[in-house]
Amino acid sequence: MKASALLELMLKVAEKASLIAKIIRKEKPLVDLLIEEKSGLEKNSRFFQDFKTLADVLIQETVRHYISQQVPEMGSSIYGEESNKFTNVVGDTVVVEICDTCDQTQELLKTVLNGHDEAARLLAEAVHCHLNNICLTTDADLSVDIDTSDCGIWIDPIDSTGQYIKGKKGKLSECGLVEDGLQCVAILIGLFQKSTGKPILGVAVQPFAEFHKETNSWKSITIWGICYNGVKTTSLQAAEPSAQGRGKVLLSSSESEHVKTALATKFDLVFASGAGYKMLATALGLVNAYVLSHRTVYRWDCCAVHAILLALGGGIVSYKHALEALSQSEDPLTEDHLTKLQVQYTRAGGTISNRRASICGGTESLPGIVAYRSIPDVVAVLELLRE
């Protein structure tokens, strides 16, 4: 399948996903109805409360449904954070799926929504809406063929769910970042090669990127990138050389004091919510790198933006394995080393046992990451973190 056709398909489903996220977020009573607290194996140990919403499930199933329709050979290789079983606040459990018709999907969603017919109608119409062809504004040659039988997809339907639930508008800092708020919410769809584990195409959407007071509405922003078979192109501009003076490194507020102290010697430290948002901020050039030393990030968080960063000349390396490689040599890591340290998107042996990821004993989480936009930036960051 041509890269251009795959990209257009992923942009279309991403647009549907953004529309669904906005409809659900529009009315607070509806958000309150839709919240389901995660528990047991699905709960992220880092948070006291971690929520799954109908937006998560419905977006994931919409992406799976339409991609499977257009590219059937990929249907069994679409993976995501959520199961498709949803239990609403009144205790009804429903297997959420996209039906053949809008009316059928509406009837299913009415069960999840405890009979809320208007909300079910709006969501079903968003799922089944017809979108115009996407105009790709790029001069790159996207005629390269991608073997879709060797491809899989990781979906993070709503990254930064906590901020999505709160629904507050974040305040923009001088460097163009928000620490928390709806702007941190992202929808991430990443295509990877099963035989190599490499990310090759990513689409990332911020449904609530910019708030317009005049219309009392949010404008979304979509970025994409391809890095495959000699083609490296993105909707963003290529990485610029590191500016003189102190750069910026983005961290989680819970990051270790060791990491903060080491990086603060040469970088200004900034903080924000959402792993996806922090990687997007890196791709957008708002910071030099994003560092996470904890095991609290997953493949679905990284795959989409990883492809975009690779297209820019950056990447995402394993925090643990990069520091292990540094400990075995007194020299800085080279570009070849960094290539080998890139995060992979298949498990051992190149297989993933279930379409929906199961989180068991932390085995699905990655051992920390360093996301970066240029090689000089990541080399500088890793040298400071060297034990």
Protein backbone atom coordinates (compact mmCIF):
# COMPACT_ATOMS: atom_id res chain seq x y z
CA MET A 1 0.00 0.00 0.00
CA LYS A 2 1.31 3.45 -0.87
CA ALA A 3 2.57 5.49 2.07
CA SER A 4 0.35 8.36 0.93
CA ALA A 5 -2.79 6.18 1.12
CA LEU A 6 -1.87 4.86 4.56
CA LEU A 7 -1.17 8.34 5.84
CA GLU A 8 -4.46 9.66 4.48
CA LEU A 9 -6.35 6.79 6.16
CA MET A 10 -4.66 7.44 9.50
CA LEU A 11 -5.33 11.18 9.26
CA LYS A 12 -9.02 10.48 8.60
CA VAL A 13 -9.43 8.20 11.60
CA ALA A 14 -7.49 10.68 13.72
CA GLU A 15 -9.95 13.40 12.68
CA LYS A 16 -12.86 11.17 13.71
CA ALA A 17 -11.14 10.50 17.02
CA SER A 18 -10.69 14.21 17.69
CA LEU A 19 -14.35 14.88 16.95
CA ILE A 20 -15.45 12.15 19.39
CA ALA A 21 -13.17 13.50 22.12
CA LYS A 22 -14.64 17.00 21.73
CA ILE A 23 -18.26 15.83 21.78
CA ILE A 24 -17.74 13.85 24.98
CA ARG A 25 -15.87 16.73 26.65
CA LYS A 26 -18.47 19.32 25.70
CA GLU A 27 -20.93 18.77 28.57
CA LYS A 28 -19.71 18.14 32.11
CA PRO A 29 -22.76 16.02 33.15
CA LEU A 30 -21.95 13.69 30.27
CA VAL A 31 -18.30 13.46 31.36
CA ASP A 32 -19.40 12.62 34.90
CA LEU A 33 -21.63 9.84 33.56
CA LEU A 34 -18.87 8.37 31.44
CA ILE A 35 -16.06 8.09 33.97
CA GLU A 36 -15.06 4.60 35.04
CA GLU A 37 -12.26 4.18 37.56
CA LYS A 38 -9.62 1.65 36.51
CA SER A 39 -8.73 -1.07 38.94
CA GLY A 40 -6.65 -4.20 39.25
CA LEU A 41 -4.31 -4.97 36.35
CA GLU A 42 -5.57 -2.01 34.31
CA LYS A 43 -4.61 0.54 36.96
CA ASN A 44 -1.44 2.56 36.50
CA SER A 45 0.39 2.23 39.82
CA ARG A 46 1.71 5.78 39.53
CA PHE A 47 -1.66 7.40 40.10
CA PHE A 48 -4.07 7.17 43.03
CA GLN A 49 -6.93 7.34 40.57
CA ASP A 50 -6.61 6.42 36.92
CA PHE A 51 -9.68 6.75 34.75
CA LYS A 52 -10.96 5.09 31.66
CA THR A 53 -13.66 6.94 29.75
CA LEU A 54 -15.95 6.05 26.94
CA ALA A 55 -13.85 8.39 24.83
CA ASP A 56 -10.86 6.06 25.27
CA VAL A 57 -12.81 2.95 24.30
CA LEU A 58 -14.87 4.49 21.51
CA ILE A 59 -11.87 6.18 19.88
CA GLN A 60 -9.80 3.01 20.02
CA GLU A 61 -12.59 0.92 18.50
CA THR A 62 -13.28 3.54 15.81
CA VAL A 63 -9.64 3.51 14.73
CA ARG A 64 -9.55 -0.29 14.76
CA HIS A 65 -12.83 -0.59 12.84
CA TYR A 66 -12.00 1.76 9.96
CA ILE A 67 -8.40 0.69 9.53
CA SER A 68 -9.46 -2.97 9.55
CA GLN A 69 -12.08 -2.20 6.89
CA GLN A 70 -9.56 -0.54 4.57
CA VAL A 71 -6.56 -2.76 5.37
CA PRO A 72 -7.95 -6.16 6.48
CA GLU A 73 -4.51 -7.76 6.82
CA MET A 74 -3.73 -5.34 9.67
CA GLY A 75 -6.94 -6.02 11.59
CA SER A 76 -5.39 -8.54 13.97
CA SER A 77 -2.34 -6.34 14.61
CA ILE A 78 -4.00 -3.25 16.06
CA TYR A 79 -3.12 -2.80 19.71
CA GLY A 80 -4.21 -0.30 22.29
CA GLU A 81 -4.31 0.66 25.92
CA GLU A 82 -7.95 -0.18 26.60
CA SER A 83 -10.17 -3.25 26.60
CA ASN A 84 -13.46 -2.71 24.80
CA LYS A 85 -15.57 -3.59 27.83
CA PHE A 86 -17.05 -0.51 29.42
CA THR A 87 -19.01 -0.32 32.69
CA ASN A 88 -20.87 2.93 33.26
CA VAL A 89 -21.63 4.51 36.63
CA VAL A 90 -24.92 2.64 37.01
CA GLY A 91 -23.19 -0.71 36.63
CA ASP A 92 -24.10 -1.71 33.06
CA THR A 93 -21.26 -3.55 31.24
CA VAL A 94 -21.24 -3.43 27.44
CA VAL A 95 -18.76 -4.59 24.82
CA VAL A 96 -18.23 -1.43 22.79
CA GLU A 97 -17.92 -2.02 19.06
CA ILE A 98 -18.64 -0.13 15.88
CA CYS A 99 -21.72 -1.53 14.17
CA ASP A 100 -22.57 -1.62 10.46
CA THR A 101 -24.94 1.35 10.64
CA CYS A 102 -25.12 4.59 12.57
CA ASP A 103 -28.49 3.57 14.09
CA GLN A 104 -27.08 0.28 15.38
CA THR A 105 -24.06 2.01 16.94
CA GLN A 106 -26.41 4.56 18.51
CA GLU A 107 -28.51 1.81 20.12
CA LEU A 108 -25.39 0.16 21.57
CA LEU A 109 -24.10 3.46 22.94
CA LYS A 110 -27.48 4.21 24.55
CA THR A 111 -26.87 1.21 26.79
CA VAL A 112 -23.49 2.56 27.87
CA LEU A 113 -25.03 6.00 28.37
CA ASN A 114 -27.92 4.71 30.49
CA GLY A 115 -30.50 5.67 27.87
CA HIS A 116 -29.07 9.10 27.00
CA ASP A 117 -30.34 9.06 23.42
CA GLU A 118 -29.11 12.50 22.30
CA ALA A 119 -25.55 11.85 23.44
CA ALA A 120 -25.59 8.41 21.80
CA ARG A 121 -26.81 9.96 18.55
CA LEU A 122 -24.08 12.60 18.49
CA LEU A 123 -21.37 10.05 19.17
CA ALA A 124 -22.68 7.57 16.60
CA GLU A 125 -22.86 10.31 13.98
CA ALA A 126 -19.27 11.29 14.75
CA VAL A 127 -18.15 7.67 14.39
CA HIS A 128 -19.97 7.16 11.10
CA CYS A 129 -19.51 10.62 9.58
CA HIS A 130 -18.12 10.87 6.07
CA LEU A 131 -14.92 12.86 5.87
CA ASN A 132 -13.63 14.58 2.76
CA ASN A 133 -10.33 13.50 1.27
CA ILE A 134 -7.32 14.74 3.18
CA CYS A 135 -5.06 17.14 1.27
CA LEU A 136 -1.44 16.30 2.10
CA THR A 137 0.56 19.51 2.02
CA THR A 138 3.99 18.02 1.40
CA ASP A 139 6.51 18.02 -1.41
CA ALA A 140 7.86 14.64 -0.33
CA ASP A 141 7.45 11.60 -2.55
CA LEU A 142 5.06 9.33 -0.63
CA SER A 143 4.72 6.77 -3.43
CA VAL A 144 6.87 4.26 -1.54
CA ASP A 145 5.09 0.96 -0.92
CA ILE A 146 4.61 -0.22 2.67
CA ASP A 147 4.04 -3.93 3.24
CA THR A 148 0.93 -3.74 5.43
CA SER A 149 1.07 -7.47 6.20
CA ASP A 150 4.23 -6.66 8.17
CA CYS A 151 2.68 -3.71 10.02
CA GLY A 152 0.92 -3.19 13.32
CA ILE A 153 -0.58 -0.17 15.07
CA TRP A 154 -0.34 1.12 18.62
CA ILE A 155 -3.17 3.46 19.70
CA ASP A 156 -3.32 5.73 22.72
CA PRO A 157 -6.90 6.97 22.33
CA ILE A 158 -6.78 9.63 25.05
CA ASP A 159 -3.34 10.36 26.46
CA SER A 160 -3.48 12.40 29.70
CA THR A 161 -6.93 11.11 30.62
CA GLY A 162 -6.76 12.86 34.00
CA GLN A 163 -6.50 16.27 32.34
CA TYR A 164 -9.29 15.28 29.94
CA ILE A 165 -11.57 14.47 32.87
CA LYS A 166 -10.77 17.71 34.75
CA GLY A 167 -11.48 19.73 31.62
CA LYS A 168 -9.59 22.86 32.64
CA LYS A 169 -7.82 25.21 30.26
CA GLY A 170 -4.08 25.31 30.93
CA LYS A 171 -2.08 28.51 31.08
CA LEU A 172 0.56 29.00 28.39
CA SER A 173 4.08 29.65 29.69
CA GLU A 174 6.67 31.95 28.13
CA CYS A 175 8.27 29.01 26.32
CA GLY A 176 4.95 27.93 24.79
CA LEU A 177 4.21 25.02 27.16
CA VAL A 178 1.30 24.33 29.47
CA GLU A 179 1.97 22.47 32.73
CA ASP A 180 -1.49 20.92 32.83
CA GLY A 181 -4.91 21.31 31.26
CA LEU A 182 -6.82 20.15 28.19
CA GLN A 183 -3.96 21.24 25.93
CA CYS A 184 -1.98 18.26 27.31
CA VAL A 185 -4.51 15.78 25.90
CA ALA A 186 -3.35 13.89 22.80
CA ILE A 187 -4.61 11.16 20.48
CA LEU A 188 -1.73 9.01 19.24
CA ILE A 189 -1.80 6.52 16.35
CA GLY A 190 1.49 4.89 15.44
CA LEU A 191 2.30 2.39 12.67
CA PHE A 192 5.25 0.05 13.21
CA GLN A 193 7.00 -2.72 11.29
CA LYS A 194 6.45 -6.07 12.99
CA SER A 195 9.58 -7.71 11.60
CA THR A 196 11.90 -5.00 12.97
CA GLY A 197 9.84 -3.35 15.70
CA LYS A 198 10.60 0.07 14.18
CA PRO A 199 8.02 2.90 14.13
CA ILE A 200 7.45 4.02 10.55
CA LEU A 201 4.44 6.36 10.50
CA GLY A 202 2.85 8.42 13.24
CA VAL A 203 -0.16 10.73 13.56
CA ALA A 204 -0.67 12.79 16.71
CA VAL A 205 -3.62 15.08 17.45
CA GLN A 206 -4.12 17.69 20.16
CA PRO A 207 -7.95 18.05 20.11
CA PHE A 208 -7.76 21.01 22.50
CA ALA A 209 -4.64 22.74 21.26
CA GLU A 210 -5.99 26.30 21.06
CA PHE A 211 -9.06 27.88 22.68
CA HIS A 212 -10.87 30.58 20.71
CA LYS A 213 -12.87 32.94 22.93
CA GLU A 214 -14.80 34.39 19.99
CA THR A 215 -16.41 31.04 19.15
CA ASN A 216 -16.05 29.45 22.60
CA SER A 217 -14.51 26.42 20.93
CA TRP A 218 -11.26 24.51 20.69
CA LYS A 219 -9.09 24.19 17.60
CA SER A 220 -7.22 20.94 17.12
CA ILE A 221 -3.71 20.52 15.76
CA THR A 222 -2.53 17.41 13.89
CA ILE A 223 1.08 16.51 13.13
CA TRP A 224 2.47 13.49 11.31
CA GLY A 225 5.74 11.94 10.30
CA ILE A 226 7.07 9.06 8.17
CA CYS A 227 10.45 7.37 8.46
CA TYR A 228 10.57 4.36 6.16
CA ASN A 229 12.79 2.93 3.44
CA GLY A 230 14.73 6.14 2.84
CA VAL A 231 11.72 8.43 3.18
CA LYS A 232 11.95 10.85 6.11
CA THR A 233 9.30 13.55 6.06
CA THR A 234 6.95 15.25 8.47
CA SER A 235 4.40 18.03 8.69
CA LEU A 236 6.88 19.83 10.98
CA GLN A 237 10.09 21.57 10.01
CA ALA A 238 13.37 19.70 10.28
CA ALA A 239 15.35 20.02 13.51
CA GLU A 240 17.47 23.13 13.89
CA PRO A 241 20.95 22.99 15.45
CA SER A 242 20.93 23.46 19.22
CA ALA A 243 20.91 27.14 20.12
CA GLN A 244 23.68 28.62 22.21
CA GLY A 245 23.01 28.98 25.92
CA ARG A 246 20.97 26.79 28.20
CA GLY A 247 18.46 24.50 26.58
CA LYS A 248 15.32 23.04 28.16
CA VAL A 249 14.55 19.51 29.31
CA LEU A 250 10.98 18.44 30.02
CA LEU A 251 10.30 16.21 33.04
CA SER A 252 7.45 14.77 35.07
CA SER A 253 6.93 16.41 38.45
CA SER A 254 7.59 13.02 40.06
CA GLU A 255 11.00 12.61 38.42
CA SER A 256 13.86 11.56 40.70
CA GLU A 257 16.01 14.15 42.45
CA HIS A 258 19.12 12.53 40.94
CA VAL A 259 17.86 13.20 37.40
CA LYS A 260 16.74 16.74 38.24
CA THR A 261 20.06 17.62 39.88
CA ALA A 262 22.17 16.17 37.07
CA LEU A 263 20.26 17.87 34.26
CA ALA A 264 19.93 21.23 36.04
CA THR A 265 23.68 21.79 35.73
CA LYS A 266 23.33 22.60 32.01
CA PHE A 267 19.59 22.74 31.22
CA ASP A 268 16.57 24.63 32.46
CA LEU A 269 14.00 22.14 33.78
CA VAL A 270 10.34 22.46 32.81
CA PHE A 271 7.39 20.27 33.77
CA ALA A 272 4.12 19.20 32.15
CA SER A 273 1.40 16.55 32.29
CA GLY A 274 0.99 13.70 29.83
CA ALA A 275 3.72 11.55 28.31
CA GLY A 276 2.32 12.10 24.82
CA TYR A 277 2.22 15.87 25.29
CA LYS A 278 5.81 15.93 26.55
CA MET A 279 6.97 14.00 23.48
CA LEU A 280 4.95 16.30 21.22
CA ALA A 281 6.54 19.33 22.88
CA THR A 282 9.92 17.81 22.05
CA ALA A 283 8.94 17.24 18.43
CA LEU A 284 7.62 20.80 18.19
CA GLY A 285 10.98 22.13 19.35
CA LEU A 286 9.64 23.69 22.57
CA VAL A 287 12.27 21.73 24.53
CA ASN A 288 15.50 19.91 23.67
CA ALA A 289 14.49 16.61 25.23
CA TYR A 290 12.03 14.77 27.46
CA VAL A 291 13.53 12.48 30.10
CA LEU A 292 11.64 9.82 32.07
CA SER A 293 13.55 7.46 34.34
CA HIS A 294 10.50 5.59 35.71
CA ARG A 295 8.69 2.55 34.31
CA THR A 296 5.48 4.48 33.71
CA VAL A 297 5.42 4.75 29.93
CA TYR A 298 4.16 2.21 27.41
CA ARG A 299 4.46 1.44 23.71
CA TRP A 300 1.11 3.04 22.95
CA ASP A 301 2.41 6.28 24.50
CA CYS A 302 5.48 6.44 22.27
CA CYS A 303 4.92 4.85 18.87
CA ALA A 304 3.23 7.73 17.01
CA VAL A 305 5.51 10.55 18.14
CA HIS A 306 8.58 8.30 17.80
CA ALA A 307 8.00 8.09 14.04
CA ILE A 308 7.65 11.88 13.89
CA LEU A 309 10.87 12.42 15.86
CA LEU A 310 12.77 9.97 13.63
CA ALA A 311 11.57 11.91 10.57
CA LEU A 312 12.99 15.08 12.18
CA GLY A 313 16.38 13.48 12.86
CA GLY A 314 15.65 12.69 16.51
CA GLY A 315 14.23 9.64 18.23
CA ILE A 316 13.31 7.92 21.48
CA VAL A 317 15.89 5.73 23.24
CA SER A 318 15.54 3.48 26.25
CA TYR A 319 16.68 5.34 29.38
CA LYS A 320 17.94 2.19 31.08
CA HIS A 321 19.74 0.70 28.09
CA ALA A 322 21.31 4.02 27.05
CA LEU A 323 22.86 4.45 30.50
CA GLU A 324 24.02 0.83 30.48
CA ALA A 325 25.72 1.42 27.13
CA LEU A 326 27.40 4.56 28.48
CA SER A 327 28.66 2.72 31.55
CA GLN A 328 30.56 0.30 29.30
CA SER A 329 32.51 3.06 27.54
CA GLU A 330 34.15 6.36 28.42
CA ASP A 331 33.19 7.80 25.03
CA PRO A 332 29.88 9.52 24.18
CA LEU A 333 27.29 7.51 22.30
CA THR A 334 27.47 7.71 18.50
CA GLU A 335 24.65 7.84 15.98
CA ASP A 336 25.08 4.09 15.39
CA HIS A 337 24.72 3.43 19.13
CA LEU A 338 21.58 5.57 19.28
CA THR A 339 20.07 3.67 16.35
CA LYS A 340 20.45 0.39 18.25
CA LEU A 341 19.00 1.92 21.43
CA GLN A 342 15.74 3.09 19.83
CA VAL A 343 12.57 1.83 21.53
CA GLN A 344 11.08 -1.19 19.73
CA TYR A 345 7.38 -1.91 19.35
CA THR A 346 7.25 -5.70 19.37
CA ARG A 347 7.85 -7.99 22.31
CA ALA A 348 10.55 -10.63 22.48
CA GLY A 349 10.39 -12.77 19.36
CA GLY A 350 8.54 -10.06 17.47
CA THR A 351 5.06 -11.12 18.59
CA ILE A 352 2.27 -9.58 20.61
CA SER A 353 -0.06 -12.17 22.09
CA ASN A 354 -3.27 -10.16 22.23
CA ARG A 355 -4.78 -7.34 20.23
CA ARG A 356 -5.34 -5.38 23.41
CA ALA A 357 -2.32 -4.96 25.63
CA SER A 358 -2.45 -6.67 28.99
CA ILE A 359 -0.53 -4.99 31.79
CA CYS A 360 0.94 -7.63 34.04
CA GLY A 361 3.52 -6.97 36.73
CA GLY A 362 4.94 -3.98 34.87
CA THR A 363 6.27 -6.19 32.05
CA GLU A 364 4.54 -4.08 29.40
CA SER A 365 6.08 -0.82 30.57
CA LEU A 366 9.29 0.54 29.09
CA PRO A 367 12.38 1.08 31.30
CA GLY A 368 12.24 4.84 30.99
CA ILE A 369 12.83 6.89 27.82
CA VAL A 370 14.73 9.87 26.48
CA ALA A 371 12.91 11.59 23.61
CA TYR A 372 14.95 14.06 21.60
CA ARG A 373 14.86 16.14 18.43
CA SER A 374 18.57 16.17 17.56
CA ILE A 375 21.59 13.96 18.23
CA PRO A 376 23.67 16.68 19.96
CA ASP A 377 20.80 17.21 22.40
CA VAL A 378 20.49 13.56 23.44
CA VAL A 379 24.26 13.12 23.71
CA ALA A 380 24.46 16.12 26.03
CA VAL A 381 21.57 14.86 28.16
CA LEU A 382 22.92 11.33 28.48
CA GLU A 383 26.39 12.53 29.39
CA LEU A 384 24.90 14.41 32.34
CA LEU A 385 23.00 11.31 33.43
CA ARG A 386 26.05 9.03 33.20
CA GLU A 387 26.54 7.24 36.52
